N, C-alpha and C. Protein backbone atom coordinates (compact mmCIF):
# COMPACT_ATOMS: atom_id res chain seq x y z
N MET A 1 -7.00 5.41 63.30
CA MET A 1 -7.17 6.15 64.53
C MET A 1 -8.49 5.77 65.20
N VAL A 2 -8.47 5.76 66.51
CA VAL A 2 -9.66 5.45 67.30
C VAL A 2 -9.93 6.66 68.19
N ARG A 3 -11.17 7.13 68.16
CA ARG A 3 -11.56 8.25 69.00
C ARG A 3 -12.56 7.77 70.04
N ALA A 4 -12.48 8.40 71.22
CA ALA A 4 -13.40 8.04 72.30
C ALA A 4 -13.72 9.27 73.14
N VAL A 5 -14.84 9.18 73.83
CA VAL A 5 -15.26 10.20 74.78
C VAL A 5 -15.30 9.53 76.15
N VAL A 6 -14.66 10.16 77.13
CA VAL A 6 -14.68 9.64 78.50
C VAL A 6 -15.41 10.65 79.37
N LEU A 7 -16.50 10.21 79.98
CA LEU A 7 -17.25 11.04 80.92
C LEU A 7 -16.67 10.81 82.31
N VAL A 8 -16.44 11.88 83.04
CA VAL A 8 -15.76 11.79 84.33
C VAL A 8 -16.62 12.40 85.44
N LYS A 9 -16.79 11.64 86.50
CA LYS A 9 -17.49 12.11 87.70
C LYS A 9 -16.44 12.46 88.74
N SER A 10 -16.45 13.73 89.18
CA SER A 10 -15.46 14.17 90.16
C SER A 10 -15.94 15.44 90.85
N PRO A 11 -15.82 15.51 92.16
CA PRO A 11 -16.19 16.74 92.86
C PRO A 11 -15.15 17.85 92.70
N LYS A 12 -13.98 17.52 92.17
CA LYS A 12 -12.90 18.50 92.00
C LYS A 12 -13.28 19.49 90.90
N LYS A 13 -13.21 20.77 91.20
CA LYS A 13 -13.61 21.79 90.23
C LYS A 13 -12.65 21.89 89.05
N LEU A 14 -11.40 21.57 89.23
CA LEU A 14 -10.41 21.72 88.15
C LEU A 14 -10.08 20.40 87.46
N ILE A 15 -10.97 19.43 87.53
CA ILE A 15 -10.69 18.12 86.95
C ILE A 15 -10.50 18.21 85.44
N ALA A 16 -11.21 19.09 84.75
CA ALA A 16 -11.07 19.21 83.30
C ALA A 16 -9.65 19.64 82.93
N ALA A 17 -9.06 20.52 83.71
CA ALA A 17 -7.68 20.95 83.45
C ALA A 17 -6.70 19.80 83.69
N ARG A 18 -6.96 18.99 84.68
CA ARG A 18 -6.10 17.84 84.95
C ARG A 18 -6.19 16.80 83.83
N LEU A 19 -7.38 16.65 83.27
CA LEU A 19 -7.56 15.67 82.19
C LEU A 19 -6.73 16.03 80.97
N LYS A 20 -6.56 17.31 80.69
CA LYS A 20 -5.79 17.75 79.53
C LYS A 20 -4.32 17.34 79.62
N LYS A 21 -3.85 17.06 80.81
CA LYS A 21 -2.44 16.67 81.01
C LYS A 21 -2.20 15.19 80.74
N VAL A 22 -3.25 14.41 80.58
CA VAL A 22 -3.11 12.97 80.31
C VAL A 22 -2.79 12.77 78.83
N ASP A 23 -1.79 11.94 78.56
CA ASP A 23 -1.41 11.66 77.17
C ASP A 23 -2.62 11.17 76.38
N SER A 24 -2.71 11.59 75.14
CA SER A 24 -3.76 11.22 74.18
C SER A 24 -5.09 11.91 74.42
N VAL A 25 -5.22 12.70 75.48
CA VAL A 25 -6.42 13.52 75.66
C VAL A 25 -6.17 14.82 74.90
N TYR A 26 -6.93 15.02 73.81
CA TYR A 26 -6.69 16.22 73.01
C TYR A 26 -7.59 17.38 73.39
N ASP A 27 -8.61 17.12 74.19
CA ASP A 27 -9.44 18.20 74.70
C ASP A 27 -10.23 17.69 75.90
N SER A 28 -10.56 18.60 76.80
CA SER A 28 -11.42 18.27 77.93
C SER A 28 -12.10 19.55 78.37
N PHE A 29 -13.28 19.38 78.96
CA PHE A 29 -14.04 20.55 79.39
C PHE A 29 -15.05 20.12 80.45
N PRO A 30 -15.43 21.06 81.33
CA PRO A 30 -16.45 20.75 82.33
C PRO A 30 -17.83 20.72 81.68
N VAL A 31 -18.73 19.92 82.26
CA VAL A 31 -20.10 19.83 81.78
C VAL A 31 -21.06 19.81 82.97
N SER A 32 -22.31 20.08 82.70
CA SER A 32 -23.33 19.98 83.74
C SER A 32 -24.05 18.64 83.56
N GLY A 33 -24.70 18.21 84.60
CA GLY A 33 -25.45 16.96 84.53
C GLY A 33 -24.87 15.89 85.43
N GLN A 34 -25.06 14.65 85.05
CA GLN A 34 -24.64 13.52 85.87
C GLN A 34 -23.12 13.44 86.00
N PHE A 35 -22.40 13.87 84.97
CA PHE A 35 -20.94 13.86 85.00
C PHE A 35 -20.43 15.29 85.11
N ASP A 36 -19.16 15.43 85.47
CA ASP A 36 -18.59 16.76 85.72
C ASP A 36 -17.63 17.23 84.63
N ALA A 37 -17.09 16.30 83.86
CA ALA A 37 -16.15 16.69 82.80
C ALA A 37 -16.16 15.64 81.69
N VAL A 38 -15.68 16.07 80.53
CA VAL A 38 -15.55 15.19 79.37
C VAL A 38 -14.11 15.26 78.89
N ALA A 39 -13.55 14.10 78.57
CA ALA A 39 -12.22 14.03 77.96
C ALA A 39 -12.36 13.41 76.57
N LEU A 40 -11.77 14.04 75.58
CA LEU A 40 -11.78 13.52 74.22
C LEU A 40 -10.43 12.88 73.94
N ILE A 41 -10.45 11.63 73.48
CA ILE A 41 -9.23 10.83 73.31
C ILE A 41 -9.06 10.45 71.85
N ASN A 42 -7.82 10.46 71.40
CA ASN A 42 -7.48 10.04 70.05
C ASN A 42 -6.24 9.14 70.16
N VAL A 43 -6.37 7.86 69.78
CA VAL A 43 -5.27 6.90 69.88
C VAL A 43 -5.15 6.09 68.60
N GLU A 44 -4.08 5.33 68.50
CA GLU A 44 -3.83 4.52 67.30
C GLU A 44 -4.68 3.26 67.24
N ASN A 45 -4.90 2.62 68.39
CA ASN A 45 -5.65 1.36 68.37
C ASN A 45 -6.51 1.22 69.63
N LEU A 46 -7.48 0.35 69.54
CA LEU A 46 -8.48 0.19 70.59
C LEU A 46 -7.91 -0.17 71.97
N PRO A 47 -6.92 -1.08 72.07
CA PRO A 47 -6.40 -1.39 73.42
C PRO A 47 -5.83 -0.19 74.16
N GLN A 48 -5.39 0.84 73.45
CA GLN A 48 -4.84 2.02 74.11
C GLN A 48 -5.91 2.80 74.88
N ILE A 49 -7.18 2.64 74.48
CA ILE A 49 -8.27 3.32 75.19
C ILE A 49 -8.28 2.89 76.65
N LYS A 50 -8.11 1.60 76.90
CA LYS A 50 -8.10 1.09 78.28
C LYS A 50 -6.95 1.71 79.07
N ASP A 51 -5.78 1.83 78.45
CA ASP A 51 -4.64 2.44 79.15
C ASP A 51 -4.93 3.88 79.55
N ILE A 52 -5.52 4.64 78.65
CA ILE A 52 -5.81 6.04 78.93
C ILE A 52 -6.89 6.16 80.00
N THR A 53 -7.94 5.36 79.91
CA THR A 53 -9.00 5.43 80.93
C THR A 53 -8.47 5.02 82.31
N THR A 54 -7.55 4.07 82.34
CA THR A 54 -6.93 3.69 83.61
C THR A 54 -6.17 4.86 84.20
N LYS A 55 -5.43 5.61 83.37
CA LYS A 55 -4.71 6.80 83.85
C LYS A 55 -5.68 7.83 84.39
N ILE A 56 -6.79 8.03 83.68
CA ILE A 56 -7.79 9.00 84.13
C ILE A 56 -8.38 8.57 85.47
N GLN A 57 -8.66 7.29 85.63
CA GLN A 57 -9.26 6.80 86.87
C GLN A 57 -8.33 6.92 88.07
N THR A 58 -7.02 7.03 87.83
CA THR A 58 -6.08 7.17 88.95
C THR A 58 -5.86 8.63 89.35
N LEU A 59 -6.43 9.59 88.61
CA LEU A 59 -6.29 10.99 88.99
C LEU A 59 -7.02 11.24 90.30
N SER A 60 -6.44 12.07 91.12
CA SER A 60 -7.04 12.40 92.41
C SER A 60 -8.42 13.02 92.21
N GLY A 61 -9.41 12.48 92.90
CA GLY A 61 -10.75 13.02 92.86
C GLY A 61 -11.68 12.36 91.86
N VAL A 62 -11.17 11.54 90.98
CA VAL A 62 -12.05 10.88 90.01
C VAL A 62 -12.80 9.76 90.71
N GLU A 63 -14.12 9.85 90.68
CA GLU A 63 -14.96 8.85 91.35
C GLU A 63 -15.34 7.72 90.40
N ARG A 64 -15.66 8.06 89.15
CA ARG A 64 -15.98 7.04 88.17
C ARG A 64 -15.90 7.63 86.77
N THR A 65 -15.83 6.74 85.79
CA THR A 65 -15.78 7.17 84.39
C THR A 65 -16.72 6.30 83.57
N GLU A 66 -17.08 6.81 82.42
CA GLU A 66 -17.83 6.04 81.44
C GLU A 66 -17.24 6.38 80.08
N THR A 67 -16.89 5.35 79.33
CA THR A 67 -16.20 5.55 78.05
C THR A 67 -17.09 5.13 76.89
N MET A 68 -17.10 5.99 75.88
CA MET A 68 -17.84 5.71 74.65
C MET A 68 -16.87 5.80 73.48
N VAL A 69 -16.72 4.71 72.73
CA VAL A 69 -15.81 4.65 71.60
C VAL A 69 -16.58 4.94 70.32
N GLU A 70 -16.01 5.78 69.47
CA GLU A 70 -16.63 6.11 68.20
C GLU A 70 -16.73 4.86 67.34
N VAL A 71 -17.88 4.66 66.74
CA VAL A 71 -18.11 3.53 65.85
C VAL A 71 -18.28 4.10 64.45
N SER A 72 -17.44 3.59 63.53
CA SER A 72 -17.57 4.11 62.16
C SER A 72 -17.56 2.97 61.16
């Protein structure tokens, strides 16, 4: 399993709720600071991370993302 954290910049107040609807996102929540929400991802292999982040980037209101993959 591969886990990742995706930081999301979006002016939309309900972006965290929208992130939860994306496949492989097992949790999301709003945060304060430079980004507006965090999505936690759990997938079988590393190439799937790109697919999920692409889906997140196509959500209405998403301005940019930054992805951090767990290293173990």
